[in-house]
C-alpha atoms as a PDB file:
ATOM      1  CA  MET A   1       3.237 -25.208   9.542  1.00  0.00           C
ATOM      2  CA  THR A   2       2.345 -26.636  12.676  1.00  0.00           C
ATOM      3  CA  ASP A   3       3.837 -30.058  13.428  1.00  0.00           C
ATOM      4  CA  THR A   4       1.304 -33.087  13.810  1.00  0.00           C
ATOM      5  CA  ALA A   5       1.678 -35.870  16.248  1.00  0.00           C
ATOM      6  CA  ASP A   6       2.891 -37.951  13.351  1.00  0.00           C
ATOM      7  CA  SER A   7       5.395 -35.646  11.914  1.00  0.00           C
ATOM      8  CA  ARG A   8       7.054 -34.265  15.103  1.00  0.00           C
ATOM      9  CA  PRO A   9      10.468 -35.492  16.003  1.00  0.00           C
ATOM     10  CA  PRO A  10      10.864 -37.643  19.204  1.00  0.00           C
ATOM     11  CA  LEU A  11      11.027 -35.381  22.392  1.00  0.00           C
ATOM     12  CA  VAL A  12      13.831 -36.035  24.757  1.00  0.00           C
ATOM     13  CA  VAL A  13      13.831 -33.797  28.012  1.00  0.00           C
ATOM     14  CA  VAL A  14      16.851 -33.759  30.199  1.00  0.00           C
ATOM     15  CA  PHE A  15      15.953 -32.381  33.660  1.00  0.00           C
ATOM     16  CA  GLY A  16      19.506 -31.220  34.888  1.00  0.00           C
ATOM     17  CA  GLY A  17      20.559 -30.356  31.482  1.00  0.00           C
ATOM     18  CA  ARG A  18      24.030 -28.939  32.826  1.00  0.00           C
ATOM     19  CA  SER A  19      25.022 -32.539  34.334  1.00  0.00           C
ATOM     20  CA  GLU A  20      27.688 -34.087  32.547  1.00  0.00           C
ATOM     21  CA  ILE A  21      25.953 -37.451  32.273  1.00  0.00           C
ATOM     22  CA  GLY A  22      22.733 -36.032  31.431  1.00  0.00           C
ATOM     23  CA  LEU A  23      24.337 -33.788  28.535  1.00  0.00           C
ATOM     24  CA  GLU A  24      26.302 -37.316  27.340  1.00  0.00           C
ATOM     25  CA  VAL A  25      23.027 -38.955  27.336  1.00  0.00           C
ATOM     26  CA  ALA A  26      21.220 -36.185  25.278  1.00  0.00           C
ATOM     27  CA  THR A  27      23.903 -36.081  22.754  1.00  0.00           C
ATOM     28  CA  ARG A  28      23.445 -39.825  22.164  1.00  0.00           C
ATOM     29  CA  LEU A  29      19.834 -39.647  21.558  1.00  0.00           C
ATOM     30  CA  ALA A  30      19.860 -36.311  19.887  1.00  0.00           C
ATOM     31  CA  SER A  31      20.041 -37.397  16.222  1.00  0.00           C
ATOM     32  CA  GLY A  32      16.483 -36.531  14.646  1.00  0.00           C
ATOM     33  CA  ALA A  33      15.069 -35.847  17.981  1.00  0.00           C
ATOM     34  CA  ALA A  34      13.936 -32.478  19.753  1.00  0.00           C
ATOM     35  CA  VAL A  35      15.974 -32.224  22.861  1.00  0.00           C
ATOM     36  CA  LEU A  36      14.881 -29.939  25.901  1.00  0.00           C
ATOM     37  CA  LEU A  37      17.343 -29.206  28.489  1.00  0.00           C
ATOM     38  CA  ALA A  38      15.977 -28.031  31.771  1.00  0.00           C
ATOM     39  CA  ALA A  39      18.084 -26.456  34.303  1.00  0.00           C
ATOM     40  CA  ARG A  40      18.648 -23.524  36.498  1.00  0.00           C
ATOM     41  CA  ARG A  41      20.310 -20.440  34.752  1.00  0.00           C
ATOM     42  CA  SER A  42      18.840 -21.919  31.669  1.00  0.00           C
ATOM     43  CA  ASP A  43      20.149 -18.730  29.889  1.00  0.00           C
ATOM     44  CA  GLU A  44      23.672 -19.921  30.401  1.00  0.00           C
ATOM     45  CA  LEU A  45      23.412 -23.363  28.582  1.00  0.00           C
ATOM     46  CA  ASP A  46      24.831 -22.015  25.028  1.00  0.00           C
ATOM     47  CA  ALA A  47      27.563 -24.807  25.293  1.00  0.00           C
ATOM     48  CA  GLU A  48      25.343 -27.509  26.085  1.00  0.00           C
ATOM     49  CA  VAL A  49      23.044 -26.539  23.498  1.00  0.00           C
ATOM     50  CA  ALA A  50      25.742 -26.229  21.062  1.00  0.00           C
ATOM     51  CA  ALA A  51      26.880 -29.948  21.695  1.00  0.00           C
ATOM     52  CA  VAL A  52      23.230 -31.201  21.180  1.00  0.00           C
ATOM     53  CA  ALA A  53      22.681 -29.555  18.258  1.00  0.00           C
ATOM     54  CA  ALA A  54      26.208 -30.728  16.804  1.00  0.00           C
ATOM     55  CA  ALA A  55      24.930 -34.423  17.523  1.00  0.00           C
ATOM     56  CA  GLY A  56      22.121 -33.816  15.034  1.00  0.00           C
ATOM     57  CA  ALA A  57      19.309 -32.749  17.201  1.00  0.00           C
ATOM     58  CA  ALA A  58      16.465 -31.617  14.998  1.00  0.00           C
ATOM     59  CA  ALA A  59      15.647 -28.799  17.737  1.00  0.00           C
ATOM     60  CA  VAL A  60      17.274 -27.948  20.944  1.00  0.00           C
ATOM     61  CA  HIS A  61      15.274 -26.010  23.668  1.00  0.00           C
ATOM     62  CA  VAL A  62      15.842 -24.861  27.219  1.00  0.00           C
ATOM     63  CA  ARG A  63      13.744 -24.359  30.147  1.00  0.00           C
ATOM     64  CA  GLU A  64      14.304 -23.001  33.651  1.00  0.00           C
ATOM     65  CA  PHE A  65      13.994 -25.729  36.195  1.00  0.00           C
ATOM     66  CA  ASP A  66      14.966 -25.825  40.032  1.00  0.00           C
ATOM     67  CA  ALA A  67      14.401 -29.532  41.205  1.00  0.00           C
ATOM     68  CA  ASP A  68      13.964 -28.078  44.887  1.00  0.00           C
ATOM     69  CA  ASP A  69      11.047 -26.279  43.715  1.00  0.00           C
ATOM     70  CA  LEU A  70       8.784 -29.257  44.155  1.00  0.00           C
ATOM     71  CA  ASP A  71       5.478 -27.014  43.413  1.00  0.00           C
ATOM     72  CA  SER A  72       7.095 -26.135  39.897  1.00  0.00           C
ATOM     73  CA  HIS A  73       7.213 -29.803  38.619  1.00  0.00           C
ATOM     74  CA  GLY A  74       3.655 -30.227  37.657  1.00  0.00           C
ATOM     75  CA  PRO A  75       3.147 -26.903  36.059  1.00  0.00           C
ATOM     76  CA  LEU A  76       6.436 -27.495  34.222  1.00  0.00           C
ATOM     77  CA  VAL A  77       5.947 -30.678  32.723  1.00  0.00           C
ATOM     78  CA  GLU A  78       2.399 -29.554  31.739  1.00  0.00           C
ATOM     79  CA  SER A  79       3.787 -26.526  29.828  1.00  0.00           C
ATOM     80  CA  ILE A  80       6.503 -28.780  28.237  1.00  0.00           C
ATOM     81  CA  VAL A  81       3.983 -31.098  26.971  1.00  0.00           C
ATOM     82  CA  ALA A  82       1.468 -28.252  25.689  1.00  0.00           C
ATOM     83  CA  GLU A  83       4.239 -26.651  23.780  1.00  0.00           C
ATOM     84  CA  HIS A  84       6.347 -29.500  22.355  1.00  0.00           C
ATOM     85  CA  GLY A  85       3.873 -32.504  22.492  1.00  0.00           C
ATOM     86  CA  PRO A  86       4.349 -35.617  24.541  1.00  0.00           C
ATOM     87  CA  ILE A  87       7.580 -36.474  26.098  1.00  0.00           C
ATOM     88  CA  ASP A  88       9.145 -39.390  24.842  1.00  0.00           C
ATOM     89  CA  THR A  89      12.122 -39.708  26.939  1.00  0.00           C
ATOM     90  CA  ALA A  90      12.620 -38.015  30.029  1.00  0.00           C
ATOM     91  CA  VAL A  91      15.978 -38.323  31.775  1.00  0.00           C
ATOM     92  CA  LEU A  92      16.253 -37.198  35.556  1.00  0.00           C
ATOM     93  CA  ALA A  93      20.107 -36.231  35.611  1.00  0.00           C
ATOM     94  CA  PHE A  94      20.038 -33.618  38.693  1.00  0.00           C
ATOM     95  CA  GLY A  95      21.523 -34.608  42.207  1.00  0.00           C
ATOM     96  CA  ILE A  96      24.171 -33.462  44.308  1.00  0.00           C
ATOM     97  CA  LEU A  97      26.897 -35.575  46.540  1.00  0.00           C
ATOM     98  CA  GLY A  98      27.047 -32.930  49.337  1.00  0.00           C
ATOM     99  CA  ASP A  99      29.472 -32.815  52.066  1.00  0.00           C
ATOM    100  CA  GLN A 100      29.168 -35.733  54.560  1.00  0.00           C
ATOM    101  CA  THR A 101      31.240 -34.223  57.201  1.00  0.00           C
ATOM    102  CA  LEU A 102      29.176 -31.129  57.002  1.00  0.00           C
ATOM    103  CA  ALA A 103      26.109 -33.346  56.833  1.00  0.00           C
ATOM    104  CA  GLU A 104      26.762 -34.848  60.069  1.00  0.00           C
ATOM    105  CA  LYS A 105      26.625 -31.541  62.011  1.00  0.00           C
ATOM    106  CA  ASP A 106      24.236 -29.653  60.148  1.00  0.00           C
ATOM    107  CA  PRO A 107      20.837 -31.003  59.896  1.00  0.00           C
ATOM    108  CA  ALA A 108      20.106 -28.448  57.315  1.00  0.00           C
ATOM    109  CA  HIS A 109      22.714 -29.582  55.053  1.00  0.00           C
ATOM    110  CA  ALA A 110      21.634 -33.231  55.567  1.00  0.00           C
ATOM    111  CA  ALA A 111      18.081 -32.525  54.567  1.00  0.00           C
ATOM    112  CA  ALA A 112      19.231 -30.609  51.611  1.00  0.00           C
ATOM    113  CA  ILE A 113      20.972 -33.729  50.225  1.00  0.00           C
ATOM    114  CA  VAL A 114      17.947 -35.816  50.997  1.00  0.00           C
ATOM    115  CA  ARG A 115      15.673 -33.225  49.358  1.00  0.00           C
ATOM    116  CA  THR A 116      17.442 -33.055  46.227  1.00  0.00           C
ATOM    117  CA  ASP A 117      18.455 -36.643  45.667  1.00  0.00           C
ATOM    118  CA  PHE A 118      15.202 -38.250  46.920  1.00  0.00           C
ATOM    119  CA  VAL A 119      12.262 -36.035  47.728  1.00  0.00           C
ATOM    120  CA  ALA A 120      12.709 -34.002  44.381  1.00  0.00           C
ATOM    121  CA  GLN A 121      13.146 -37.124  42.246  1.00  0.00           C
ATOM    122  CA  VAL A 122      10.352 -38.784  43.811  1.00  0.00           C
ATOM    123  CA  SER A 123       8.214 -35.705  43.144  1.00  0.00           C
ATOM    124  CA  LEU A 124       9.264 -35.280  39.516  1.00  0.00           C
ATOM    125  CA  LEU A 125       8.954 -39.047  38.875  1.00  0.00           C
ATOM    126  CA  THR A 126       5.421 -39.138  40.073  1.00  0.00           C
ATOM    127  CA  VAL A 127       4.599 -36.233  37.657  1.00  0.00           C
ATOM    128  CA  LEU A 128       6.416 -37.772  34.761  1.00  0.00           C
ATOM    129  CA  ALA A 129       4.797 -41.243  35.457  1.00  0.00           C
ATOM    130  CA  ASP A 130       1.281 -39.935  35.671  1.00  0.00           C
ATOM    131  CA  THR A 131       1.685 -37.652  32.699  1.00  0.00           C
ATOM    132  CA  MET A 132       3.192 -40.572  30.286  1.00  0.00           C
ATOM    133  CA  ARG A 133       0.716 -43.047  31.801  1.00  0.00           C
ATOM    134  CA  ALA A 134      -2.053 -40.828  30.532  1.00  0.00           C
ATOM    135  CA  ALA A 135      -0.476 -40.529  27.137  1.00  0.00           C
ATOM    136  CA  GLY A 136      -0.022 -44.586  27.200  1.00  0.00           C
ATOM    137  CA  ALA A 137       3.778 -44.302  26.118  1.00  0.00           C
ATOM    138  CA  GLY A 138       7.284 -43.001  27.039  1.00  0.00           C
ATOM    139  CA  ALA A 139      10.549 -43.835  28.769  1.00  0.00           C
ATOM    140  CA  ILE A 140      11.895 -42.306  32.036  1.00  0.00           C
ATOM    141  CA  VAL A 141      15.445 -42.576  33.113  1.00  0.00           C
ATOM    142  CA  ALA A 142      16.452 -42.441  36.767  1.00  0.00           C
ATOM    143  CA  PHE A 143      19.862 -42.556  38.187  1.00  0.00           C
ATOM    144  CA  SER A 144      20.288 -44.342  41.251  1.00  0.00           C
ATOM    145  CA  SER A 145      23.929 -45.565  42.798  1.00  0.00           C
ATOM    146  CA  VAL A 146      25.886 -48.520  43.816  1.00  0.00           C
ATOM    147  CA  ALA A 147      26.043 -46.214  47.071  1.00  0.00           C
ATOM    148  CA  GLY A 148      22.533 -47.047  47.542  1.00  0.00           C
ATOM    149  CA  VAL A 149      22.887 -50.951  47.741  1.00  0.00           C
ATOM    150  CA  ARG A 150      24.046 -50.912  51.234  1.00  0.00           C
ATOM    151  CA  VAL A 151      24.720 -47.565  52.827  1.00  0.00           C
ATOM    152  CA  ARG A 152      28.057 -47.103  54.247  1.00  0.00           C
ATOM    153  CA  ARG A 153      29.632 -45.018  56.992  1.00  0.00           C
ATOM    154  CA  ALA A 154      31.507 -42.933  54.786  1.00  0.00           C
ATOM    155  CA  ASN A 155      28.563 -41.303  52.779  1.00  0.00           C
ATOM    156  CA  TYR A 156      25.337 -42.328  54.760  1.00  0.00           C
ATOM    157  CA  VAL A 157      23.761 -39.406  53.881  1.00  0.00           C
ATOM    158  CA  TYR A 158      24.061 -39.632  50.245  1.00  0.00           C
ATOM    159  CA  GLY A 159      23.668 -43.203  50.384  1.00  0.00           C
ATOM    160  CA  SER A 160      20.528 -43.219  52.159  1.00  0.00           C
ATOM    161  CA  ALA A 161      18.751 -40.888  49.759  1.00  0.00           C
ATOM    162  CA  LYS A 162      19.926 -43.234  46.807  1.00  0.00           C
ATOM    163  CA  ALA A 163      18.630 -46.297  48.702  1.00  0.00           C
ATOM    164  CA  GLY A 164      15.340 -44.428  49.077  1.00  0.00           C
ATOM    165  CA  LEU A 165      15.147 -43.493  45.361  1.00  0.00           C
ATOM    166  CA  ASP A 166      16.125 -47.264  44.486  1.00  0.00           C
ATOM    167  CA  GLY A 167      13.357 -48.446  46.364  1.00  0.00           C
ATOM    168  CA  PHE A 168      10.833 -45.914  45.170  1.00  0.00           C
ATOM    169  CA  CYS A 169      11.794 -46.595  41.598  1.00  0.00           C
ATOM    170  CA  SER A 170      11.480 -50.405  42.286  1.00  0.00           C
ATOM    171  CA  GLY A 171       7.705 -49.895  43.106  1.00  0.00           C
ATOM    172  CA  LEU A 172       6.960 -47.416  40.619  1.00  0.00           C
ATOM    173  CA  ALA A 173       8.342 -49.605  37.670  1.00  0.00           C
ATOM    174  CA  ASP A 174       6.009 -52.424  39.142  1.00  0.00           C
ATOM    175  CA  ALA A 175       3.105 -49.798  39.165  1.00  0.00           C
ATOM    176  CA  LEU A 176       3.979 -48.757  35.547  1.00  0.00           C
ATOM    177  CA  HIS A 177       3.985 -52.513  34.324  1.00  0.00           C
ATOM    178  CA  GLY A 178       1.491 -52.871  31.231  1.00  0.00           C
ATOM    179  CA  SER A 179       0.862 -48.894  30.880  1.00  0.00           C
ATOM    180  CA  GLY A 180       3.173 -48.474  27.996  1.00  0.00           C
ATOM    181  CA  VAL A 181       5.567 -46.544  30.375  1.00  0.00           C
ATOM    182  CA  HIS A 182       8.885 -47.678  30.656  1.00  0.00           C
ATOM    183  CA  LEU A 183      11.255 -47.022  33.653  1.00  0.00           C
ATOM    184  CA  LEU A 184      14.998 -47.335  33.569  1.00  0.00           C
ATOM    185  CA  VAL A 185      17.038 -47.548  36.759  1.00  0.00           C
ATOM    186  CA  VAL A 186      20.933 -46.684  36.401  1.00  0.00           C
ATOM    187  CA  ARG A 187      23.162 -47.783  39.145  1.00  0.00           C
ATOM    188  CA  PRO A 188      26.586 -46.321  38.326  1.00  0.00           C
ATOM    189  CA  GLY A 189      29.744 -46.692  40.774  1.00  0.00           C
ATOM    190  CA  PHE A 190      32.211 -43.785  41.114  1.00  0.00           C
ATOM    191  CA  VAL A 191      31.854 -41.566  38.332  1.00  0.00           C
ATOM    192  CA  ILE A 192      34.894 -39.357  37.504  1.00  0.00           C
ATOM    193  CA  GLY A 193      33.544 -36.013  36.743  1.00  0.00           C
ATOM    194  CA  ARG A 194      32.911 -32.473  38.203  1.00  0.00           C
ATOM    195  CA  MET A 195      30.941 -33.817  41.037  1.00  0.00           C
ATOM    196  CA  THR A 196      33.821 -36.154  42.324  1.00  0.00           C
ATOM    197  CA  GLU A 197      36.563 -33.602  41.634  1.00  0.00           C
ATOM    198  CA  GLY A 198      39.459 -34.076  44.053  1.00  0.00           C
ATOM    199  CA  MET A 199      38.486 -37.292  45.122  1.00  0.00           C
ATOM    200  CA  THR A 200      40.626 -40.618  44.539  1.00  0.00           C
ATOM    201  CA  PRO A 201      38.532 -42.784  42.066  1.00  0.00           C
ATOM    202  CA  ALA A 202      37.294 -45.895  43.502  1.00  0.00           C
ATOM    203  CA  PRO A 203      37.800 -49.422  41.779  1.00  0.00           C
ATOM    204  CA  LEU A 204      35.471 -49.883  39.002  1.00  0.00           C
ATOM    205  CA  SER A 205      35.064 -46.236  38.236  1.00  0.00           C
ATOM    206  CA  SER A 206      33.456 -44.951  35.041  1.00  0.00           C
ATOM    207  CA  THR A 207      33.285 -41.687  33.101  1.00  0.00           C
ATOM    208  CA  PRO A 208      30.063 -39.803  32.392  1.00  0.00           C
ATOM    209  CA  GLY A 209      30.439 -41.202  28.559  1.00  0.00           C
ATOM    210  CA  GLN A 210      30.676 -44.789  29.781  1.00  0.00           C
ATOM    211  CA  VAL A 211      27.535 -44.108  31.862  1.00  0.00           C
ATOM    212  CA  ALA A 212      25.753 -42.617  28.949  1.00  0.00           C
ATOM    213  CA  ASP A 213      26.698 -45.368  26.476  1.00  0.00           C
ATOM    214  CA  ALA A 214      25.376 -48.012  28.882  1.00  0.00           C
ATOM    215  CA  THR A 215      22.202 -46.052  29.740  1.00  0.00           C
ATOM    216  CA  VAL A 216      21.534 -45.565  26.077  1.00  0.00           C
ATOM    217  CA  ARG A 217      21.972 -49.150  25.267  1.00  0.00           C
ATOM    218  CA  ALA A 218      19.806 -50.450  28.188  1.00  0.00           C
ATOM    219  CA  LEU A 219      17.051 -48.066  27.192  1.00  0.00           C
ATOM    220  CA  ARG A 220      17.191 -49.374  23.510  1.00  0.00           C
ATOM    221  CA  LYS A 221      17.021 -52.974  24.592  1.00  0.00           C
ATOM    222  CA  GLY A 222      14.013 -52.023  27.149  1.00  0.00           C
ATOM    223  CA  ARG A 223      15.971 -52.862  30.180  1.00  0.00           C
ATOM    224  CA  GLY A 224      14.557 -52.002  33.586  1.00  0.00           C
ATOM    225  CA  THR A 225      17.998 -51.607  35.202  1.00  0.00           C
ATOM    226  CA  VAL A 226      21.635 -51.241  34.394  1.00  0.00           C
ATOM    227  CA  TRP A 227      25.062 -51.604  36.404  1.00  0.00           C
ATOM    228  CA  VAL A 228      27.702 -49.173  35.286  1.00  0.00           C
ATOM    229  CA  PRO A 229      30.281 -51.098  34.677  1.00  0.00           C
ATOM    230  CA  ALA A 230      28.408 -54.373  34.637  1.00  0.00           C
ATOM    231  CA  PRO A 231      30.776 -56.183  37.271  1.00  0.00           C
ATOM    232  CA  LEU A 232      29.378 -53.777  39.885  1.00  0.00           C
ATOM    233  CA  ALA A 233      26.239 -56.148  39.836  1.00  0.00           C
ATOM    234  CA  VAL A 234      28.485 -58.879  41.483  1.00  0.00           C
ATOM    235  CA  LEU A 235      30.274 -56.429  43.799  1.00  0.00           C
ATOM    236  CA  ALA A 236      26.690 -55.135  45.066  1.00  0.00           C
ATOM    237  CA  LEU A 237      25.821 -58.747  46.010  1.00  0.00           C
ATOM    238  CA  ALA A 238      29.245 -59.168  47.997  1.00  0.00           C
ATOM    239  CA  PHE A 239      28.379 -55.813  49.631  1.00  0.00           C
ATOM    240  CA  ARG A 240      24.952 -57.267  50.744  1.00  0.00           C
ATOM    241  CA  MET A 241      26.770 -60.372  52.370  1.00  0.00           C
ATOM    242  CA  THR A 242      29.624 -58.436  54.178  1.00  0.00           C
ATOM    243  CA  PRO A 243      29.353 -58.833  58.111  1.00  0.00           C
ATOM    244  CA  ARG A 244      28.262 -55.637  59.556  1.00  0.00           C
ATOM    245  CA  PHE A 245      31.680 -55.387  61.883  1.00  0.00           C
ATOM    246  CA  VAL A 246      33.508 -55.585  58.643  1.00  0.00           C
ATOM    247  CA  TRP A 247      31.257 -53.155  56.644  1.00  0.00           C
ATOM    248  CA  ARG A 248      31.241 -50.238  59.146  1.00  0.00           C
ATOM    249  CA  ARG A 249      35.180 -50.146  58.854  1.00  0.00           C
ATOM    250  CA  LEU A 250      35.390 -49.500  55.280  1.00  0.00           C
ATOM    251  CA  ARG A 251      36.458 -46.216  54.357  1.00  0.00           C
ATOM    252  CA  ARG A 252      34.764 -46.078  50.875  1.00  0.00           C
END
């Protein structure tokens, strides 16, 4: 029996289904939903699929997804909708931190960071926004960072990509106003996980689980932005007011 629009479970798609934050969000949204994890090497997502299934998902699917293959974004989203129905919640959980020291010497590496953390995000966000706008409903979650509030010497390549993404999302949220599509921008600080393994945690750090908790709460409340943890909003204001001669000396 084929599911109708009224009977099908809500569809949650995580682009970057291998990411720690993405998986934590997926498990929190899984109960009664169909969850699709899109990632590279999708045939190696057994552990992630099991975690989402254990969280109560009605169904779990996987799809191959390469964020840097911009030409694939449109066809991928189109095929997902054709096979599973409209996307109720899309979570963009992919990204790279990169190597700042290498990026300062290697323009290809600097460009690769910006391509994944900004250009690929813009491409997929545009595809999703257009698709959901046509459907008249849906929610999109994008992950910015406190690093994009004011770009620091210590990680200016990554920070500039996040600053660009934050600005793009601000305009996109305004463009989506009244369309039935909701965009949530999450701005975490230092997240203790695989991406930052070996680094000393900064003040007001959080875990992937804490980021996911705050994300899902904000999503259910219909908020447009959320800082993780919340006091980062005050710290970000202080960042903007710090004199440049002081700012450029900060190590983190």
